PDB file of N, CA and C in Angstrom:
ATOM      1  N   MET A   1       0.845  -1.176   0.000  1.00  0.00           N
ATOM      2  CA  MET A   1       0.000   0.000   0.000  1.00  0.00           C
ATOM      3  C   MET A   1       0.891   1.239   0.000  1.00  0.00           C
ATOM      4  N   THR A   2       0.478   2.217  -0.704  1.00  0.00           N
ATOM      5  CA  THR A   2       1.233   3.463  -0.754  1.00  0.00           C
ATOM      6  C   THR A   2       0.500   4.527   0.030  1.00  0.00           C
ATOM      7  N   GLU A   3       1.278   5.507   0.447  1.00  0.00           N
ATOM      8  CA  GLU A   3       0.692   6.623   1.181  1.00  0.00           C
ATOM      9  C   GLU A   3       0.374   7.755   0.225  1.00  0.00           C
ATOM     10  N   PRO A   4      -0.757   8.391   0.412  1.00  0.00           N
ATOM     11  CA  PRO A   4      -1.022   9.590  -0.367  1.00  0.00           C
ATOM     12  C   PRO A   4       0.005  10.652   0.024  1.00  0.00           C
ATOM     13  N   GLU A   5       0.432  11.432  -0.920  1.00  0.00           N
ATOM     14  CA  GLU A   5       1.433  12.469  -0.658  1.00  0.00           C
ATOM     15  C   GLU A   5       0.953  13.456   0.389  1.00  0.00           C
ATOM     16  N   GLY A   6       1.818  13.732   1.365  1.00  0.00           N
ATOM     17  CA  GLY A   6       1.529  14.765   2.353  1.00  0.00           C
ATOM     18  C   GLY A   6       0.562  14.369   3.451  1.00  0.00           C
ATOM     19  N   THR A   7       0.278  13.087   3.607  1.00  0.00           N
ATOM     20  CA  THR A   7      -0.624  12.682   4.681  1.00  0.00           C
ATOM     21  C   THR A   7       0.114  11.754   5.642  1.00  0.00           C
ATOM     22  N   ASP A   8      -0.484  11.548   6.784  1.00  0.00           N
ATOM     23  CA  ASP A   8       0.101  10.686   7.803  1.00  0.00           C
ATOM     24  C   ASP A   8      -0.542   9.309   7.818  1.00  0.00           C
ATOM     25  N   TYR A   9      -1.400   9.036   6.848  1.00  0.00           N
ATOM     26  CA  TYR A   9      -2.117   7.768   6.796  1.00  0.00           C
ATOM     27  C   TYR A   9      -1.967   7.119   5.427  1.00  0.00           C
ATOM     28  N   THR A  10      -2.077   5.796   5.408  1.00  0.00           N
ATOM     29  CA  THR A  10      -2.079   5.075   4.137  1.00  0.00           C
ATOM     30  C   THR A  10      -3.470   5.181   3.517  1.00  0.00           C
ATOM     31  N   ASN A  11      -3.614   4.683   2.325  1.00  0.00           N
ATOM     32  CA  ASN A  11      -4.927   4.686   1.662  1.00  0.00           C
ATOM     33  C   ASN A  11      -5.949   3.867   2.456  1.00  0.00           C
ATOM     34  N   ALA A  12      -5.470   2.886   3.235  1.00  0.00           N
ATOM     35  CA  ALA A  12      -6.362   2.051   4.030  1.00  0.00           C
ATOM     36  C   ALA A  12      -6.740   2.719   5.354  1.00  0.00           C
ATOM     37  N   GLY A  13      -6.193   3.900   5.625  1.00  0.00           N
ATOM     38  CA  GLY A  13      -6.531   4.606   6.849  1.00  0.00           C
ATOM     39  C   GLY A  13      -5.652   4.253   8.040  1.00  0.00           C
ATOM     40  N   VAL A  14      -4.528   3.601   7.784  1.00  0.00           N
ATOM     41  CA  VAL A  14      -3.610   3.208   8.853  1.00  0.00           C
ATOM     42  C   VAL A  14      -2.539   4.294   8.996  1.00  0.00           C
ATOM     43  N   PRO A  15      -2.267   4.751  10.231  1.00  0.00           N
ATOM     44  CA  PRO A  15      -1.241   5.776  10.400  1.00  0.00           C
ATOM     45  C   PRO A  15       0.141   5.214  10.073  1.00  0.00           C
ATOM     46  N   ASN A  16       0.996   6.065   9.493  1.00  0.00           N
ATOM     47  CA  ASN A  16       2.339   5.596   9.170  1.00  0.00           C
ATOM     48  C   ASN A  16       3.242   5.656  10.399  1.00  0.00           C
ATOM     49  N   PHE A  17       4.411   5.043  10.304  1.00  0.00           N
ATOM     50  CA  PHE A  17       5.324   4.928  11.434  1.00  0.00           C
ATOM     51  C   PHE A  17       5.756   6.296  11.955  1.00  0.00           C
ATOM     52  N   ASP A  18       6.088   7.217  11.079  1.00  0.00           N
ATOM     53  CA  ASP A  18       6.542   8.544  11.507  1.00  0.00           C
ATOM     54  C   ASP A  18       5.462   9.273  12.300  1.00  0.00           C
ATOM     55  N   TYR A  19       4.238   9.148  11.882  1.00  0.00           N
ATOM     56  CA  TYR A  19       3.119   9.788  12.583  1.00  0.00           C
ATOM     57  C   TYR A  19       2.983   9.237  14.000  1.00  0.00           C
ATOM     58  N   VAL A  20       3.032   7.915  14.120  1.00  0.00           N
ATOM     59  CA  VAL A  20       2.891   7.277  15.429  1.00  0.00           C
ATOM     60  C   VAL A  20       4.067   7.648  16.327  1.00  0.00           C
ATOM     61  N   ARG A  21       5.277   7.613  15.788  1.00  0.00           N
ATOM     62  CA  ARG A  21       6.459   7.966  16.569  1.00  0.00           C
ATOM     63  C   ARG A  21       6.377   9.408  17.046  1.00  0.00           C
ATOM     64  N   ASP A  22       5.981  10.331  16.187  1.00  0.00           N
ATOM     65  CA  ASP A  22       5.845  11.735  16.579  1.00  0.00           C
ATOM     66  C   ASP A  22       4.799  11.913  17.673  1.00  0.00           C
ATOM     67  N   LYS A  23       3.703  11.184  17.574  1.00  0.00           N
ATOM     68  CA  LYS A  23       2.644  11.284  18.577  1.00  0.00           C
ATOM     69  C   LYS A  23       3.142  10.789  19.936  1.00  0.00           C
ATOM     70  N   ILE A  24       3.881   9.686  19.948  1.00  0.00           N
ATOM     71  CA  ILE A  24       4.444   9.158  21.187  1.00  0.00           C
ATOM     72  C   ILE A  24       5.467  10.136  21.766  1.00  0.00           C
ATOM     73  N   ASP A  25       6.318  10.696  20.921  1.00  0.00           N
ATOM     74  CA  ASP A  25       7.309  11.675  21.387  1.00  0.00           C
ATOM     75  C   ASP A  25       6.639  12.893  22.012  1.00  0.00           C
ATOM     76  N   LYS A  26       5.566  13.369  21.409  1.00  0.00           N
ATOM     77  CA  LYS A  26       4.847  14.526  21.955  1.00  0.00           C
ATOM     78  C   LYS A  26       4.226  14.199  23.308  1.00  0.00           C
ATOM     79  N   ARG A  27       3.636  13.020  23.429  1.00  0.00           N
ATOM     80  CA  ARG A  27       3.027  12.628  24.710  1.00  0.00           C
ATOM     81  C   ARG A  27       4.092  12.503  25.797  1.00  0.00           C
ATOM     82  N   PHE A  28       5.234  11.936  25.444  1.00  0.00           N
ATOM     83  CA  PHE A  28       6.320  11.797  26.418  1.00  0.00           C
ATOM     84  C   PHE A  28       6.817  13.172  26.855  1.00  0.00           C
ATOM     85  N   ALA A  29       7.014  14.068  25.913  1.00  0.00           N
ATOM     86  CA  ALA A  29       7.488  15.416  26.239  1.00  0.00           C
ATOM     87  C   ALA A  29       6.480  16.158  27.112  1.00  0.00           C
ATOM     88  N   THR A  30       5.202  15.991  26.836  1.00  0.00           N
ATOM     89  CA  THR A  30       4.167  16.631  27.638  1.00  0.00           C
ATOM     90  C   THR A  30       4.180  16.093  29.063  1.00  0.00           C
ATOM     91  N   ALA A  31       4.284  14.779  29.203  1.00  0.00           N
ATOM     92  CA  ALA A  31       4.316  14.175  30.536  1.00  0.00           C
ATOM     93  C   ALA A  31       5.551  14.611  31.302  1.00  0.00           C
ATOM     94  N   GLU A  32       6.683  14.647  30.636  1.00  0.00           N
ATOM     95  CA  GLU A  32       7.923  15.058  31.277  1.00  0.00           C
ATOM     96  C   GLU A  32       7.850  16.524  31.708  1.00  0.00           C
ATOM     97  N   GLY A  33       7.307  17.366  30.850  1.00  0.00           N
ATOM     98  CA  GLY A  33       7.163  18.782  31.184  1.00  0.00           C
ATOM     99  C   GLY A  33       6.183  19.004  32.318  1.00  0.00           C
ATOM    100  N   SER A  34       5.113  18.221  32.351  1.00  0.00           N
ATOM    101  CA  SER A  34       4.125  18.353  33.423  1.00  0.00           C
ATOM    102  C   SER A  34       4.726  18.025  34.780  1.00  0.00           C
ATOM    103  N   THR A  35       5.520  16.966  34.838  1.00  0.00           N
ATOM    104  CA  THR A  35       6.139  16.621  36.116  1.00  0.00           C
ATOM    105  C   THR A  35       7.150  17.678  36.531  1.00  0.00           C
ATOM    106  N   GLU A  36       7.843  18.243  35.574  1.00  0.00           N
ATOM    107  CA  GLU A  36       8.801  19.301  35.895  1.00  0.00           C
ATOM    108  C   GLU A  36       8.087  20.539  36.423  1.00  0.00           C
ATOM    109  N   LEU A  37       6.988  20.921  35.770  1.00  0.00           N
ATOM    110  CA  LEU A  37       6.238  22.089  36.215  1.00  0.00           C
ATOM    111  C   LEU A  37       5.590  21.859  37.580  1.00  0.00           C
ATOM    112  N   ALA A  38       5.192  20.631  37.845  1.00  0.00           N
ATOM    113  CA  ALA A  38       4.579  20.315  39.129  1.00  0.00           C
ATOM    114  C   ALA A  38       5.611  20.248  40.246  1.00  0.00           C
ATOM    115  N   GLY A  39       6.880  20.259  39.866  1.00  0.00           N
ATOM    116  CA  GLY A  39       7.945  20.215  40.865  1.00  0.00           C
ATOM    117  C   GLY A  39       8.167  18.850  41.453  1.00  0.00           C
ATOM    118  N   ILE A  40       7.738  17.814  40.746  1.00  0.00           N
ATOM    119  CA  ILE A  40       7.936  16.475  41.275  1.00  0.00           C
ATOM    120  C   ILE A  40       8.904  15.663  40.429  1.00  0.00           C
ATOM    121  N   GLY A  41       9.657  16.313  39.606  1.00  0.00           N
ATOM    122  CA  GLY A  41      10.641  15.597  38.805  1.00  0.00           C
ATOM    123  C   GLY A  41      11.962  15.484  39.555  1.00  0.00           C
ATOM    124  N   GLY A  42      12.881  14.793  38.994  1.00  0.00           N
ATOM    125  CA  GLY A  42      14.193  14.687  39.603  1.00  0.00           C
ATOM    126  C   GLY A  42      14.351  13.419  40.407  1.00  0.00           C
ATOM    127  N   GLU A  43      15.390  13.425  41.234  1.00  0.00           N
ATOM    128  CA  GLU A  43      15.729  12.232  42.006  1.00  0.00           C
ATOM    129  C   GLU A  43      15.220  12.355  43.436  1.00  0.00           C
ATOM    130  N   GLU A  44      13.954  12.494  43.597  1.00  0.00           N
ATOM    131  CA  GLU A  44      13.358  12.614  44.916  1.00  0.00           C
ATOM    132  C   GLU A  44      12.820  11.264  45.358  1.00  0.00           C
ATOM    133  N   THR A  45      12.689  11.118  46.670  1.00  0.00           N
ATOM    134  CA  THR A  45      12.151   9.875  47.203  1.00  0.00           C
ATOM    135  C   THR A  45      10.630   9.955  47.251  1.00  0.00           C
ATOM    136  N   VAL A  46      10.019   8.823  47.398  1.00  0.00           N
ATOM    137  CA  VAL A  46       8.563   8.766  47.501  1.00  0.00           C
ATOM    138  C   VAL A  46       8.114   9.541  48.736  1.00  0.00           C
ATOM    139  N   GLU A  47       8.880   9.431  49.806  1.00  0.00           N
ATOM    140  CA  GLU A  47       8.520  10.120  51.045  1.00  0.00           C
ATOM    141  C   GLU A  47       8.531  11.635  50.856  1.00  0.00           C
ATOM    142  N   SER A  48       9.541  12.147  50.154  1.00  0.00           N
ATOM    143  CA  SER A  48       9.592  13.598  49.943  1.00  0.00           C
ATOM    144  C   SER A  48       8.465  14.065  49.030  1.00  0.00           C
ATOM    145  N   LEU A  49       8.100  13.243  48.052  1.00  0.00           N
ATOM    146  CA  LEU A  49       6.978  13.592  47.178  1.00  0.00           C
ATOM    147  C   LEU A  49       5.670  13.566  47.956  1.00  0.00           C
ATOM    148  N   ASP A  50       5.510  12.558  48.829  1.00  0.00           N
ATOM    149  CA  ASP A  50       4.312  12.502  49.668  1.00  0.00           C
ATOM    150  C   ASP A  50       4.223  13.723  50.566  1.00  0.00           C
ATOM    151  N   LYS A  51       5.350  14.158  51.110  1.00  0.00           N
ATOM    152  CA  LYS A  51       5.384  15.338  51.976  1.00  0.00           C
ATOM    153  C   LYS A  51       4.978  16.578  51.182  1.00  0.00           C
ATOM    154  N   LYS A  52       5.507  16.715  49.957  1.00  0.00           N
ATOM    155  CA  LYS A  52       5.147  17.863  49.117  1.00  0.00           C
ATOM    156  C   LYS A  52       3.644  17.878  48.837  1.00  0.00           C
ATOM    157  N   LEU A  53       3.098  16.720  48.495  1.00  0.00           N
ATOM    158  CA  LEU A  53       1.664  16.641  48.202  1.00  0.00           C
ATOM    159  C   LEU A  53       0.837  16.947  49.438  1.00  0.00           C
ATOM    160  N   ALA A  54       1.245  16.451  50.592  1.00  0.00           N
ATOM    161  CA  ALA A  54       0.516  16.723  51.832  1.00  0.00           C
ATOM    162  C   ALA A  54       0.571  18.211  52.164  1.00  0.00           C
ATOM    163  N   ASP A  55       1.733  18.826  51.980  1.00  0.00           N
ATOM    164  CA  ASP A  55       1.874  20.268  52.231  1.00  0.00           C
ATOM    165  C   ASP A  55       0.981  21.076  51.295  1.00  0.00           C
ATOM    166  N   ARG A  56       0.947  20.664  50.041  1.00  0.00           N
ATOM    167  CA  ARG A  56       0.116  21.369  49.059  1.00  0.00           C
ATOM    168  C   ARG A  56      -1.367  21.209  49.390  1.00  0.00           C
ATOM    169  N   ASP A  57      -1.764  20.000  49.786  1.00  0.00           N
ATOM    170  CA  ASP A  57      -3.153  19.766  50.171  1.00  0.00           C
ATOM    171  C   ASP A  57      -3.535  20.599  51.392  1.00  0.00           C
ATOM    172  N   GLU A  58      -2.641  20.684  52.364  1.00  0.00           N
ATOM    173  CA  GLU A  58      -2.903  21.478  53.567  1.00  0.00           C
ATOM    174  C   GLU A  58      -3.023  22.961  53.223  1.00  0.00           C
ATOM    175  N   ALA A  59      -2.152  23.443  52.334  1.00  0.00           N
ATOM    176  CA  ALA A  59      -2.221  24.847  51.912  1.00  0.00           C
ATOM    177  C   ALA A  59      -3.540  25.119  51.189  1.00  0.00           C
ATOM    178  N   ALA A  60      -3.969  24.189  50.354  1.00  0.00           N
ATOM    179  CA  ALA A  60      -5.239  24.349  49.633  1.00  0.00           C
ATOM    180  C   ALA A  60      -6.414  24.361  50.609  1.00  0.00           C
ATOM    181  N   LYS A  61      -6.374  23.487  51.601  1.00  0.00           N
ATOM    182  CA  LYS A  61      -7.442  23.442  52.600  1.00  0.00           C
ATOM    183  C   LYS A  61      -7.487  24.746  53.397  1.00  0.00           C
ATOM    184  N   SER A  62      -6.329  25.262  53.770  1.00  0.00           N
ATOM    185  CA  SER A  62      -6.271  26.524  54.514  1.00  0.00           C
ATOM    186  C   SER A  62      -6.835  27.677  53.690  1.00  0.00           C
ATOM    187  N   LYS A  63      -6.468  27.713  52.411  1.00  0.00           N
ATOM    188  CA  LYS A  63      -6.965  28.774  51.531  1.00  0.00           C
ATOM    189  C   LYS A  63      -8.475  28.675  51.363  1.00  0.00           C
ATOM    190  N   LEU A  64      -8.991  27.467  51.209  1.00  0.00           N
ATOM    191  CA  LEU A  64     -10.430  27.272  51.078  1.00  0.00           C
ATOM    192  C   LEU A  64     -11.156  27.720  52.346  1.00  0.00           C
ATOM    193  N   ASP A  65     -10.603  27.381  53.500  1.00  0.00           N
ATOM    194  CA  ASP A  65     -11.197  27.834  54.764  1.00  0.00           C
ATOM    195  C   ASP A  65     -11.197  29.356  54.849  1.00  0.00           C
ATOM    196  N   GLU A  66     -10.113  29.974  54.412  1.00  0.00           N
ATOM    197  CA  GLU A  66     -10.020  31.445  54.418  1.00  0.00           C
ATOM    198  C   GLU A  66     -11.084  32.063  53.516  1.00  0.00           C
ATOM    199  N   ILE A  67     -11.278  31.491  52.355  1.00  0.00           N
ATOM    200  CA  ILE A  67     -12.282  32.003  51.410  1.00  0.00           C
ATOM    201  C   ILE A  67     -13.685  31.846  52.001  1.00  0.00           C
ATOM    202  N   ARG A  68     -13.944  30.716  52.619  1.00  0.00           N
ATOM    203  CA  ARG A  68     -15.262  30.483  53.223  1.00  0.00           C
ATOM    204  C   ARG A  68     -15.527  31.495  54.346  1.00  0.00           C
ATOM    205  N   ARG A  69     -14.503  31.750  55.180  1.00  0.00           N
ATOM    206  CA  ARG A  69     -14.684  32.742  56.260  1.00  0.00           C
ATOM    207  C   ARG A  69     -14.968  34.131  55.696  1.00  0.00           C
ATOM    208  N   SER A  70     -14.260  34.493  54.637  1.00  0.00           N
ATOM    209  CA  SER A  70     -14.472  35.839  54.066  1.00  0.00           C
ATOM    210  C   SER A  70     -15.850  35.953  53.433  1.00  0.00           C
ATOM    211  N   MET A  71     -16.381  34.864  52.892  1.00  0.00           N
ATOM    212  CA  MET A  71     -17.714  34.909  52.303  1.00  0.00           C
ATOM    213  C   MET A  71     -18.790  35.015  53.368  1.00  0.00           C
ATOM    214  N   ARG A  72     -18.532  34.499  54.556  1.00  0.00           N
ATOM    215  CA  ARG A  72     -19.493  34.601  55.651  1.00  0.00           C
ATOM    216  C   ARG A  72     -19.376  35.938  56.385  1.00  0.00           C
ATOM    217  N   GLY A  73     -18.346  36.698  56.040  1.00  0.00           N
ATOM    218  CA  GLY A  73     -18.155  37.992  56.652  1.00  0.00           C
ATOM    219  C   GLY A  73     -17.451  37.940  57.993  1.00  0.00           C
ATOM    220  N   GLU A  74     -16.722  36.891  58.224  1.00  0.00           N
ATOM    221  CA  GLU A  74     -15.988  36.750  59.496  1.00  0.00           C
ATOM    222  C   GLU A  74     -14.661  37.458  59.428  1.00  0.00           C
TER     223      GLU A  74
END
């Protein structure tokens, strides 16, 4: 089967190898960037990551409580 010029699929509708490889590379880069932005990348231990998540959850809970108090006029 031949590929139509300029497309990522064969005439049968099957994606070509380059298309699939590019899609996988993009997903990997997105996942890697997301972990970096979240601050959980690198050589950290599970315990340190759990601590970071617990701290973030506690900060979120505190902020939510603050917002609720301000809405009640306290």
